């Protein structure tokens, strides 16, 4: 399972066996069941999670109790409530398993220590953050300029495997429409 982490990191930076052995010692392996929470709104956020297997949803719940899906995370993706994780505040988002899930967990102190000890790992995390920011900006722009049919089409093209794994009700919450509206789309 840690080989998956190494392969993931080495897509951006090379690692020696000794470097990876030390780096991997900072990660904690955990398993979660479908519908189990890794993070709940209002709680502390102890980890950034690297998904080995399974599927997660990051959710914001408004004052009326309506869930808005901020994002999904599947194999080889990182997810957490980043604001709460980095600022060491309480979570404003929840992270829940859509499927049984296995993750590697990295706490903030260990993240900072690894970045100090391994500048190339800091570079890796910076590259991952850049890609995350770009993706978030694209999604925001799309939500402001594209209709639901176009946004759904983009989702299918960008993440075809996600469409097969996520119930339509969750896709609708991610796209900000009702389940019925999503069902009427013919893409």
N, C-alpha and C. Protein backbone atom coordinates (compact mmCIF):
# COMPACT_ATOMS: atom_id res chain seq x y z
N UNK A 1 0.80 -1.20 0.00
CA UNK A 1 0.00 0.00 0.00
C UNK A 1 0.85 1.27 0.00
N UNK A 2 1.97 1.22 0.68
CA UNK A 2 2.85 2.40 0.65
C UNK A 2 3.55 2.55 -0.69
N UNK A 3 3.62 1.44 -1.47
CA UNK A 3 4.16 1.53 -2.82
C UNK A 3 3.32 2.48 -3.67
N UNK A 4 2.02 2.48 -3.42
CA UNK A 4 1.12 3.38 -4.14
C UNK A 4 1.47 4.84 -3.84
N UNK A 5 1.80 5.13 -2.59
CA UNK A 5 2.22 6.49 -2.21
C UNK A 5 3.51 6.85 -2.92
N UNK A 6 4.46 5.92 -2.95
CA UNK A 6 5.74 6.20 -3.60
C UNK A 6 5.55 6.49 -5.09
N UNK A 7 4.76 5.66 -5.75
CA UNK A 7 4.49 5.87 -7.17
C UNK A 7 3.86 7.24 -7.39
N UNK A 8 2.94 7.60 -6.51
CA UNK A 8 2.26 8.89 -6.60
C UNK A 8 3.25 10.06 -6.45
N UNK A 9 4.09 10.00 -5.45
CA UNK A 9 5.07 11.07 -5.22
C UNK A 9 6.06 11.13 -6.37
N UNK A 10 6.49 9.97 -6.85
CA UNK A 10 7.52 9.95 -7.89
C UNK A 10 7.02 10.37 -9.27
N UNK A 11 5.73 10.63 -9.40
CA UNK A 11 5.24 11.25 -10.63
C UNK A 11 5.74 12.70 -10.71
N UNK A 12 6.15 13.24 -9.56
CA UNK A 12 6.61 14.63 -9.49
C UNK A 12 8.07 14.73 -9.09
N UNK A 13 8.48 13.96 -8.08
CA UNK A 13 9.87 14.03 -7.61
C UNK A 13 10.42 12.62 -7.39
N UNK A 14 11.68 12.38 -7.74
CA UNK A 14 12.28 11.06 -7.48
C UNK A 14 12.66 10.92 -6.01
N UNK A 15 12.63 9.67 -5.54
CA UNK A 15 13.01 9.38 -4.16
C UNK A 15 13.94 8.18 -4.13
N UNK A 16 14.94 8.24 -3.26
CA UNK A 16 15.76 7.06 -3.03
C UNK A 16 14.98 6.13 -2.10
N UNK A 17 15.43 4.88 -2.01
CA UNK A 17 14.78 3.93 -1.11
C UNK A 17 14.83 4.43 0.33
N UNK A 18 15.98 4.99 0.72
CA UNK A 18 16.14 5.48 2.09
C UNK A 18 15.21 6.66 2.36
N UNK A 19 15.12 7.57 1.40
CA UNK A 19 14.22 8.72 1.57
C UNK A 19 12.77 8.26 1.73
N UNK A 20 12.37 7.35 0.85
CA UNK A 20 10.98 6.91 0.92
C UNK A 20 10.71 6.15 2.21
N UNK A 21 11.65 5.36 2.65
CA UNK A 21 11.46 4.61 3.90
C UNK A 21 11.22 5.57 5.06
N UNK A 22 12.00 6.65 5.11
CA UNK A 22 11.83 7.64 6.17
C UNK A 22 10.51 8.39 6.00
N UNK A 23 10.21 8.84 4.80
CA UNK A 23 8.98 9.59 4.53
C UNK A 23 7.76 8.74 4.88
N UNK A 24 7.75 7.51 4.45
CA UNK A 24 6.57 6.66 4.66
C UNK A 24 6.32 6.37 6.14
N UNK A 25 7.37 6.48 6.95
CA UNK A 25 7.20 6.21 8.39
C UNK A 25 6.31 7.25 9.08
N UNK A 26 6.08 8.38 8.43
CA UNK A 26 5.25 9.44 9.00
C UNK A 26 3.75 9.23 8.75
N UNK A 27 3.41 8.32 7.87
CA UNK A 27 2.03 8.10 7.49
C UNK A 27 1.40 6.98 8.32
N UNK A 28 0.12 7.16 8.63
CA UNK A 28 -0.64 6.18 9.39
C UNK A 28 -1.70 5.60 8.46
N UNK A 29 -1.78 4.28 8.41
CA UNK A 29 -2.78 3.59 7.59
C UNK A 29 -4.08 3.44 8.37
N UNK A 30 -5.21 3.76 7.72
CA UNK A 30 -6.52 3.59 8.36
C UNK A 30 -7.52 3.09 7.33
N UNK A 31 -8.51 2.33 7.82
CA UNK A 31 -9.61 1.83 7.00
C UNK A 31 -10.92 2.39 7.56
N UNK A 32 -11.81 2.74 6.65
CA UNK A 32 -13.12 3.26 7.03
C UNK A 32 -14.19 2.54 6.22
N UNK A 33 -15.37 2.44 6.80
CA UNK A 33 -16.51 1.81 6.14
C UNK A 33 -17.35 2.87 5.41
N UNK A 34 -18.12 2.41 4.43
CA UNK A 34 -19.06 3.27 3.72
C UNK A 34 -19.93 4.01 4.74
N UNK A 35 -20.12 5.31 4.51
CA UNK A 35 -20.90 6.23 5.36
C UNK A 35 -20.18 6.65 6.64
N UNK A 36 -18.99 6.15 6.89
CA UNK A 36 -18.23 6.56 8.07
C UNK A 36 -17.57 7.91 7.79
N UNK A 37 -17.48 8.73 8.82
CA UNK A 37 -16.87 10.05 8.70
C UNK A 37 -15.39 9.99 9.08
N UNK A 38 -14.56 10.66 8.29
CA UNK A 38 -13.17 10.89 8.64
C UNK A 38 -13.07 12.21 9.38
N UNK A 39 -13.91 13.17 8.96
CA UNK A 39 -13.98 14.50 9.57
C UNK A 39 -15.46 14.84 9.71
N UNK A 40 -15.83 15.42 10.84
CA UNK A 40 -17.18 15.94 11.01
C UNK A 40 -17.10 17.43 11.33
N UNK A 41 -18.03 18.18 10.76
CA UNK A 41 -18.10 19.61 10.99
C UNK A 41 -18.05 19.90 12.49
N UNK A 42 -17.21 20.86 12.88
CA UNK A 42 -17.08 21.25 14.28
C UNK A 42 -15.96 20.54 15.03
N UNK A 43 -15.43 19.48 14.44
CA UNK A 43 -14.34 18.74 15.09
C UNK A 43 -12.98 19.27 14.63
N UNK A 44 -11.95 18.90 15.36
CA UNK A 44 -10.58 19.18 14.93
C UNK A 44 -10.28 18.32 13.70
N UNK A 45 -9.36 18.79 12.88
CA UNK A 45 -8.98 18.06 11.66
C UNK A 45 -7.54 17.58 11.83
N UNK A 46 -7.38 16.31 12.22
CA UNK A 46 -6.04 15.84 12.55
C UNK A 46 -5.16 15.50 11.36
N UNK A 47 -5.77 15.20 10.19
CA UNK A 47 -4.97 14.66 9.08
C UNK A 47 -5.35 15.23 7.73
N UNK A 48 -4.36 15.14 6.84
CA UNK A 48 -4.57 15.22 5.41
C UNK A 48 -4.55 13.76 4.96
N UNK A 49 -5.51 13.37 4.13
CA UNK A 49 -5.69 11.96 3.78
C UNK A 49 -5.30 11.70 2.33
N UNK A 50 -4.48 10.67 2.12
CA UNK A 50 -4.16 10.19 0.78
C UNK A 50 -4.97 8.92 0.57
N UNK A 51 -5.81 8.93 -0.46
CA UNK A 51 -6.73 7.82 -0.69
C UNK A 51 -6.02 6.69 -1.44
N UNK A 52 -5.94 5.55 -0.78
CA UNK A 52 -5.36 4.35 -1.38
C UNK A 52 -6.42 3.58 -2.16
N UNK A 53 -7.60 3.49 -1.56
CA UNK A 53 -8.69 2.72 -2.15
C UNK A 53 -9.99 3.30 -1.63
N UNK A 54 -10.98 3.44 -2.52
CA UNK A 54 -12.28 3.91 -2.08
C UNK A 54 -12.61 5.29 -2.62
N UNK A 55 -13.65 5.87 -2.04
CA UNK A 55 -14.17 7.14 -2.52
C UNK A 55 -14.72 7.94 -1.34
N UNK A 56 -14.36 9.22 -1.29
CA UNK A 56 -14.79 10.13 -0.24
C UNK A 56 -15.56 11.29 -0.84
N UNK A 57 -16.41 11.92 -0.01
CA UNK A 57 -17.05 13.16 -0.41
C UNK A 57 -16.79 14.20 0.66
N UNK A 58 -16.46 15.41 0.23
CA UNK A 58 -16.24 16.55 1.11
C UNK A 58 -17.51 17.40 1.04
N UNK A 59 -18.13 17.64 2.20
CA UNK A 59 -19.46 18.23 2.23
C UNK A 59 -19.51 19.47 3.12
N UNK A 60 -20.20 20.49 2.61
CA UNK A 60 -20.56 21.66 3.41
C UNK A 60 -22.07 21.58 3.64
N UNK A 61 -22.49 21.72 4.89
CA UNK A 61 -23.92 21.71 5.22
C UNK A 61 -24.31 23.11 5.67
N UNK A 62 -25.29 23.69 4.96
CA UNK A 62 -25.70 25.06 5.30
C UNK A 62 -26.60 25.08 6.53
N UNK A 63 -26.99 26.27 6.96
CA UNK A 63 -27.79 26.43 8.18
C UNK A 63 -29.15 25.75 8.08
N UNK A 64 -29.66 25.59 6.87
CA UNK A 64 -30.95 24.92 6.67
C UNK A 64 -30.80 23.40 6.63
N UNK A 65 -29.55 22.91 6.74
CA UNK A 65 -29.31 21.47 6.73
C UNK A 65 -29.12 20.87 5.35
N UNK A 66 -29.04 21.71 4.32
CA UNK A 66 -28.83 21.21 2.96
C UNK A 66 -27.35 20.94 2.73
N UNK A 67 -27.07 19.75 2.19
CA UNK A 67 -25.68 19.36 1.91
C UNK A 67 -25.25 19.85 0.53
N UNK A 68 -24.06 20.42 0.48
CA UNK A 68 -23.43 20.85 -0.77
C UNK A 68 -22.11 20.09 -0.87
N UNK A 69 -21.96 19.31 -1.91
CA UNK A 69 -20.73 18.54 -2.06
C UNK A 69 -19.66 19.43 -2.69
N UNK A 70 -18.62 19.65 -1.94
CA UNK A 70 -17.50 20.49 -2.38
C UNK A 70 -16.61 19.71 -3.34
N UNK A 71 -16.45 18.42 -3.07
CA UNK A 71 -15.61 17.61 -3.94
C UNK A 71 -15.66 16.14 -3.57
N UNK A 72 -15.10 15.36 -4.46
CA UNK A 72 -14.93 13.93 -4.25
C UNK A 72 -13.44 13.65 -4.25
N UNK A 73 -13.05 12.54 -3.63
CA UNK A 73 -11.65 12.12 -3.66
C UNK A 73 -11.62 10.60 -3.82
N UNK A 74 -10.92 10.16 -4.85
CA UNK A 74 -10.77 8.73 -5.09
C UNK A 74 -9.29 8.38 -5.06
N UNK A 75 -8.96 7.19 -5.49
CA UNK A 75 -7.59 6.69 -5.40
C UNK A 75 -6.59 7.72 -5.96
N UNK A 76 -5.50 7.87 -5.22
CA UNK A 76 -4.39 8.77 -5.56
C UNK A 76 -4.73 10.25 -5.42
N UNK A 77 -5.79 10.56 -4.70
CA UNK A 77 -6.14 11.96 -4.43
C UNK A 77 -5.91 12.23 -2.95
N UNK A 78 -5.68 13.49 -2.64
CA UNK A 78 -5.54 13.97 -1.27
C UNK A 78 -6.81 14.74 -0.91
N UNK A 79 -7.26 14.60 0.34
CA UNK A 79 -8.43 15.37 0.75
C UNK A 79 -8.42 15.60 2.25
N UNK A 80 -8.93 16.75 2.63
CA UNK A 80 -9.17 17.14 4.01
C UNK A 80 -9.93 18.45 3.99
N UNK A 81 -10.30 18.97 5.14
CA UNK A 81 -10.79 20.34 5.25
C UNK A 81 -9.50 21.16 5.39
N UNK A 82 -8.98 21.64 4.26
CA UNK A 82 -7.66 22.25 4.24
C UNK A 82 -7.57 23.48 5.14
N UNK A 83 -8.61 24.29 5.17
CA UNK A 83 -8.58 25.47 6.03
C UNK A 83 -8.41 25.07 7.49
N UNK A 84 -9.21 24.13 7.95
CA UNK A 84 -9.12 23.70 9.35
C UNK A 84 -7.80 22.98 9.63
N UNK A 85 -7.33 22.20 8.68
CA UNK A 85 -6.07 21.46 8.84
C UNK A 85 -4.90 22.43 9.00
N UNK A 86 -4.75 23.36 8.07
CA UNK A 86 -3.60 24.26 8.10
C UNK A 86 -3.69 25.35 9.17
N UNK A 87 -4.90 25.80 9.45
CA UNK A 87 -5.06 26.85 10.46
C UNK A 87 -5.31 26.29 11.85
N UNK A 88 -5.42 24.95 11.93
CA UNK A 88 -5.65 24.26 13.20
C UNK A 88 -6.89 24.81 13.91
N UNK A 89 -7.98 24.88 13.13
CA UNK A 89 -9.27 25.32 13.64
C UNK A 89 -10.26 24.16 13.52
N UNK A 90 -11.48 24.39 13.93
CA UNK A 90 -12.53 23.38 13.82
C UNK A 90 -12.99 23.26 12.37
N UNK A 91 -13.40 22.07 11.99
CA UNK A 91 -13.84 21.81 10.62
C UNK A 91 -15.14 22.54 10.31
N UNK A 92 -15.20 23.11 9.12
CA UNK A 92 -16.45 23.67 8.60
C UNK A 92 -17.04 22.73 7.55
N UNK A 93 -16.30 21.67 7.24
CA UNK A 93 -16.70 20.68 6.25
C UNK A 93 -16.67 19.29 6.90
N UNK A 94 -17.37 18.36 6.29
CA UNK A 94 -17.32 16.96 6.71
C UNK A 94 -16.74 16.14 5.58
N UNK A 95 -16.02 15.08 5.94
CA UNK A 95 -15.45 14.17 4.96
C UNK A 95 -15.99 12.78 5.27
N UNK A 96 -16.73 12.22 4.31
CA UNK A 96 -17.45 10.97 4.53
C UNK A 96 -17.14 9.97 3.42
N UNK A 97 -17.14 8.71 3.79
CA UNK A 97 -16.90 7.63 2.82
C UNK A 97 -18.15 7.36 1.99
N UNK A 98 -17.97 7.37 0.68
CA UNK A 98 -19.02 6.96 -0.25
C UNK A 98 -18.91 5.45 -0.47
N UNK A 99 -17.70 4.94 -0.33
CA UNK A 99 -17.40 3.51 -0.42
C UNK A 99 -16.51 3.16 0.76
N UNK A 100 -16.34 1.87 1.04
CA UNK A 100 -15.30 1.46 1.99
C UNK A 100 -13.99 2.06 1.49
N UNK A 101 -13.21 2.61 2.39
CA UNK A 101 -12.05 3.40 1.99
C UNK A 101 -10.83 3.08 2.84
N UNK A 102 -9.67 3.09 2.20
CA UNK A 102 -8.38 2.96 2.87
C UNK A 102 -7.56 4.20 2.57
N UNK A 103 -6.96 4.76 3.60
CA UNK A 103 -6.19 6.00 3.44
C UNK A 103 -4.86 5.92 4.19
N UNK A 104 -3.96 6.79 3.78
CA UNK A 104 -2.76 7.08 4.56
C UNK A 104 -2.95 8.48 5.11
N UNK A 105 -2.71 8.65 6.40
CA UNK A 105 -2.97 9.90 7.10
C UNK A 105 -1.65 10.58 7.47
N UNK A 106 -1.64 11.90 7.29
CA UNK A 106 -0.45 12.68 7.63
C UNK A 106 -0.89 13.85 8.49
N UNK A 107 -0.39 13.92 9.74
CA UNK A 107 -0.76 15.05 10.59
C UNK A 107 0.08 16.28 10.23
N UNK A 108 -0.37 17.44 10.67
CA UNK A 108 0.24 18.70 10.28
C UNK A 108 1.68 18.84 10.77
N UNK A 109 1.96 18.45 11.99
CA UNK A 109 3.34 18.54 12.49
C UNK A 109 4.29 17.69 11.65
N UNK A 110 3.85 16.48 11.32
CA UNK A 110 4.70 15.61 10.49
C UNK A 110 4.82 16.14 9.07
N UNK A 111 3.76 16.70 8.54
CA UNK A 111 3.81 17.33 7.22
C UNK A 111 4.88 18.43 7.21
N UNK A 112 4.84 19.29 8.20
CA UNK A 112 5.81 20.39 8.27
C UNK A 112 7.24 19.86 8.45
N UNK A 113 7.39 18.84 9.28
CA UNK A 113 8.71 18.25 9.49
C UNK A 113 9.24 17.64 8.19
N UNK A 114 8.40 16.91 7.48
CA UNK A 114 8.81 16.31 6.20
C UNK A 114 9.21 17.38 5.19
N UNK A 115 8.46 18.47 5.14
CA UNK A 115 8.78 19.55 4.20
C UNK A 115 10.11 20.22 4.55
N UNK A 116 10.42 20.33 5.85
CA UNK A 116 11.71 20.89 6.26
C UNK A 116 12.85 19.94 5.90
N UNK A 117 12.66 18.65 6.17
CA UNK A 117 13.71 17.66 5.95
C UNK A 117 13.93 17.34 4.47
N UNK A 118 12.86 17.42 3.69
CA UNK A 118 12.93 17.03 2.28
C UNK A 118 12.34 18.13 1.40
N UNK A 119 13.18 19.09 0.98
CA UNK A 119 12.67 20.16 0.12
C UNK A 119 11.96 19.64 -1.13
N UNK A 120 12.40 18.50 -1.63
CA UNK A 120 11.71 17.98 -2.82
C UNK A 120 10.31 17.49 -2.47
N UNK A 121 10.06 17.07 -1.24
CA UNK A 121 8.72 16.69 -0.85
C UNK A 121 7.86 17.95 -0.69
N UNK A 122 8.47 19.02 -0.20
CA UNK A 122 7.76 20.29 -0.14
C UNK A 122 7.37 20.72 -1.55
N UNK A 123 8.26 20.52 -2.51
CA UNK A 123 7.96 20.80 -3.92
C UNK A 123 6.79 19.94 -4.40
N UNK A 124 6.79 18.67 -4.04
CA UNK A 124 5.69 17.77 -4.40
C UNK A 124 4.36 18.32 -3.90
N UNK A 125 4.30 18.66 -2.61
CA UNK A 125 3.06 19.17 -2.04
C UNK A 125 2.65 20.50 -2.67
N UNK A 126 3.61 21.32 -3.01
CA UNK A 126 3.31 22.58 -3.67
C UNK A 126 2.70 22.33 -5.06
N UNK A 127 3.25 21.40 -5.79
CA UNK A 127 2.70 21.04 -7.11
C UNK A 127 1.28 20.51 -6.97
N UNK A 128 1.03 19.67 -5.96
CA UNK A 128 -0.32 19.15 -5.73
C UNK A 128 -1.27 20.29 -5.39
N UNK A 129 -0.81 21.25 -4.59
CA UNK A 129 -1.65 22.40 -4.24
C UNK A 129 -1.96 23.24 -5.47
N UNK A 130 -0.95 23.47 -6.33
CA UNK A 130 -1.19 24.22 -7.57
C UNK A 130 -2.28 23.56 -8.40
N UNK A 131 -2.19 22.24 -8.56
CA UNK A 131 -3.19 21.53 -9.36
C UNK A 131 -4.57 21.61 -8.72
N UNK A 132 -4.61 21.56 -7.41
CA UNK A 132 -5.88 21.70 -6.70
C UNK A 132 -6.48 23.08 -6.88
N UNK A 133 -5.64 24.12 -6.79
CA UNK A 133 -6.13 25.49 -6.99
C UNK A 133 -6.65 25.68 -8.41
N UNK A 134 -5.91 25.16 -9.37
CA UNK A 134 -6.33 25.29 -10.77
C UNK A 134 -7.68 24.61 -10.98
N UNK A 135 -7.82 23.41 -10.46
CA UNK A 135 -9.08 22.68 -10.59
C UNK A 135 -10.22 23.44 -9.92
N UNK A 136 -9.98 23.99 -8.74
CA UNK A 136 -11.01 24.75 -8.03
C UNK A 136 -11.40 26.00 -8.81
N UNK A 137 -10.42 26.70 -9.37
CA UNK A 137 -10.72 27.89 -10.17
C UNK A 137 -11.54 27.53 -11.41
N UNK A 138 -11.18 26.43 -12.06
CA UNK A 138 -11.93 26.00 -13.23
C UNK A 138 -13.37 25.68 -12.86
N UNK A 139 -13.56 25.02 -11.73
CA UNK A 139 -14.92 24.67 -11.29
C UNK A 139 -15.72 25.92 -10.97
N UNK A 140 -15.11 26.88 -10.31
CA UNK A 140 -15.80 28.13 -9.97
C UNK A 140 -16.21 28.87 -11.25
N UNK A 141 -15.29 28.99 -12.18
CA UNK A 141 -15.59 29.68 -13.44
C UNK A 141 -16.70 28.96 -14.19
N UNK A 142 -16.60 27.64 -14.24
CA UNK A 142 -17.64 26.86 -14.92
C UNK A 142 -19.00 27.07 -14.26
N UNK A 143 -19.04 27.11 -12.93
CA UNK A 143 -20.32 27.28 -12.24
C UNK A 143 -20.91 28.67 -12.48
N UNK A 144 -20.05 29.64 -12.80
CA UNK A 144 -20.51 31.00 -13.06
C UNK A 144 -20.91 31.21 -14.52
N UNK A 145 -20.33 30.41 -15.42
CA UNK A 145 -20.52 30.70 -16.84
C UNK A 145 -21.23 29.61 -17.64
N UNK A 146 -21.21 28.38 -17.17
CA UNK A 146 -21.77 27.26 -17.93
C UNK A 146 -23.10 26.82 -17.34
N UNK A 147 -23.95 26.32 -18.21
CA UNK A 147 -25.21 25.73 -17.77
C UNK A 147 -24.97 24.36 -17.18
N UNK A 148 -26.00 23.79 -16.56
CA UNK A 148 -25.87 22.50 -15.90
C UNK A 148 -25.49 21.41 -16.89
N UNK A 149 -26.04 21.44 -18.08
CA UNK A 149 -25.74 20.41 -19.07
C UNK A 149 -24.24 20.42 -19.42
N UNK A 150 -23.69 21.61 -19.60
CA UNK A 150 -22.27 21.72 -19.92
C UNK A 150 -21.41 21.30 -18.73
N UNK A 151 -21.78 21.66 -17.52
CA UNK A 151 -21.01 21.27 -16.33
C UNK A 151 -21.03 19.76 -16.15
N UNK A 152 -22.17 19.15 -16.39
CA UNK A 152 -22.29 17.69 -16.29
C UNK A 152 -21.42 17.02 -17.35
N UNK A 153 -21.44 17.54 -18.55
CA UNK A 153 -20.62 17.01 -19.64
C UNK A 153 -19.13 17.12 -19.28
N UNK A 154 -18.72 18.24 -18.72
CA UNK A 154 -17.32 18.43 -18.31
C UNK A 154 -16.93 17.42 -17.22
N UNK A 155 -17.84 17.19 -16.29
CA UNK A 155 -17.59 16.23 -15.22
C UNK A 155 -17.38 14.83 -15.79
N UNK A 156 -18.23 14.44 -16.72
CA UNK A 156 -18.12 13.13 -17.35
C UNK A 156 -16.79 12.99 -18.10
N UNK A 157 -16.42 14.04 -18.82
CA UNK A 157 -15.17 14.01 -19.60
C UNK A 157 -13.94 14.00 -18.70
N UNK A 158 -13.97 14.78 -17.64
CA UNK A 158 -12.80 14.90 -16.76
C UNK A 158 -12.64 13.70 -15.82
N UNK A 159 -13.76 13.16 -15.33
CA UNK A 159 -13.71 12.07 -14.36
C UNK A 159 -14.68 10.94 -14.74
N UNK A 160 -14.43 10.26 -15.84
CA UNK A 160 -15.38 9.23 -16.29
C UNK A 160 -15.59 8.10 -15.27
N UNK A 161 -14.56 7.72 -14.55
CA UNK A 161 -14.72 6.64 -13.57
C UNK A 161 -15.56 7.08 -12.37
N UNK A 162 -15.52 8.36 -12.05
CA UNK A 162 -16.29 8.88 -10.94
C UNK A 162 -17.79 8.73 -11.20
N UNK A 163 -18.20 8.97 -12.42
CA UNK A 163 -19.61 8.90 -12.80
C UNK A 163 -20.17 7.50 -12.54
N UNK A 164 -19.34 6.48 -12.73
CA UNK A 164 -19.78 5.10 -12.52
C UNK A 164 -19.89 4.74 -11.04
N UNK A 165 -19.22 5.49 -10.19
CA UNK A 165 -19.12 5.13 -8.77
C UNK A 165 -20.01 5.96 -7.85
N UNK A 166 -20.50 7.08 -8.34
CA UNK A 166 -21.23 8.01 -7.49
C UNK A 166 -22.71 7.98 -7.83
N UNK A 167 -23.57 7.81 -6.84
CA UNK A 167 -25.02 7.87 -7.10
C UNK A 167 -25.42 9.23 -7.68
N UNK A 168 -26.45 9.21 -8.51
CA UNK A 168 -26.92 10.45 -9.16
C UNK A 168 -27.29 11.53 -8.15
N UNK A 169 -27.81 11.13 -7.00
CA UNK A 169 -28.17 12.12 -5.98
C UNK A 169 -26.94 12.90 -5.50
N UNK A 170 -25.81 12.21 -5.39
CA UNK A 170 -24.58 12.90 -4.97
C UNK A 170 -24.00 13.74 -6.09
N UNK A 171 -24.10 13.25 -7.32
CA UNK A 171 -23.65 14.06 -8.46
C UNK A 171 -24.48 15.34 -8.55
N UNK A 172 -25.78 15.22 -8.33
CA UNK A 172 -26.65 16.39 -8.36
C UNK A 172 -26.23 17.39 -7.28
N UNK A 173 -25.94 16.92 -6.06
CA UNK A 173 -25.50 17.80 -4.99
C UNK A 173 -24.17 18.46 -5.33
N UNK A 174 -23.29 17.75 -6.00
CA UNK A 174 -22.01 18.31 -6.43
C UNK A 174 -22.21 19.40 -7.48
N UNK A 175 -23.14 19.16 -8.40
CA UNK A 175 -23.41 20.12 -9.48
C UNK A 175 -24.35 21.24 -9.05
N UNK A 176 -24.97 21.11 -7.88
CA UNK A 176 -25.85 22.16 -7.38
C UNK A 176 -27.23 22.15 -7.99
N UNK A 177 -27.72 20.97 -8.37
CA UNK A 177 -29.06 20.85 -8.95
C UNK A 177 -29.81 19.73 -8.25
N UNK A 178 -31.10 19.64 -8.54
CA UNK A 178 -31.89 18.55 -7.96
C UNK A 178 -31.59 17.25 -8.71
N UNK A 179 -31.90 16.16 -8.06
CA UNK A 179 -31.74 14.82 -8.67
C UNK A 179 -32.60 14.73 -9.92
N UNK A 180 -33.79 15.29 -9.88
CA UNK A 180 -34.71 15.25 -11.01
C UNK A 180 -34.14 16.01 -12.21
N UNK A 181 -33.54 17.17 -11.95
CA UNK A 181 -32.94 17.96 -13.03
C UNK A 181 -31.81 17.17 -13.68
N UNK A 182 -30.99 16.54 -12.86
CA UNK A 182 -29.88 15.75 -13.40
C UNK A 182 -30.40 14.59 -14.23
N UNK A 183 -31.48 13.97 -13.80
CA UNK A 183 -32.06 12.82 -14.52
C UNK A 183 -32.58 13.23 -15.90
N UNK A 184 -33.03 14.47 -16.01
CA UNK A 184 -33.59 14.95 -17.29
C UNK A 184 -32.51 15.26 -18.33
N UNK A 185 -31.28 15.40 -17.87
CA UNK A 185 -30.22 15.74 -18.81
C UNK A 185 -29.94 14.57 -19.75
N UNK A 186 -29.76 14.88 -20.99
CA UNK A 186 -29.35 13.85 -21.95
C UNK A 186 -28.06 14.32 -22.59
N UNK A 187 -26.98 13.85 -22.05
CA UNK A 187 -25.65 14.30 -22.50
C UNK A 187 -25.13 13.34 -23.55
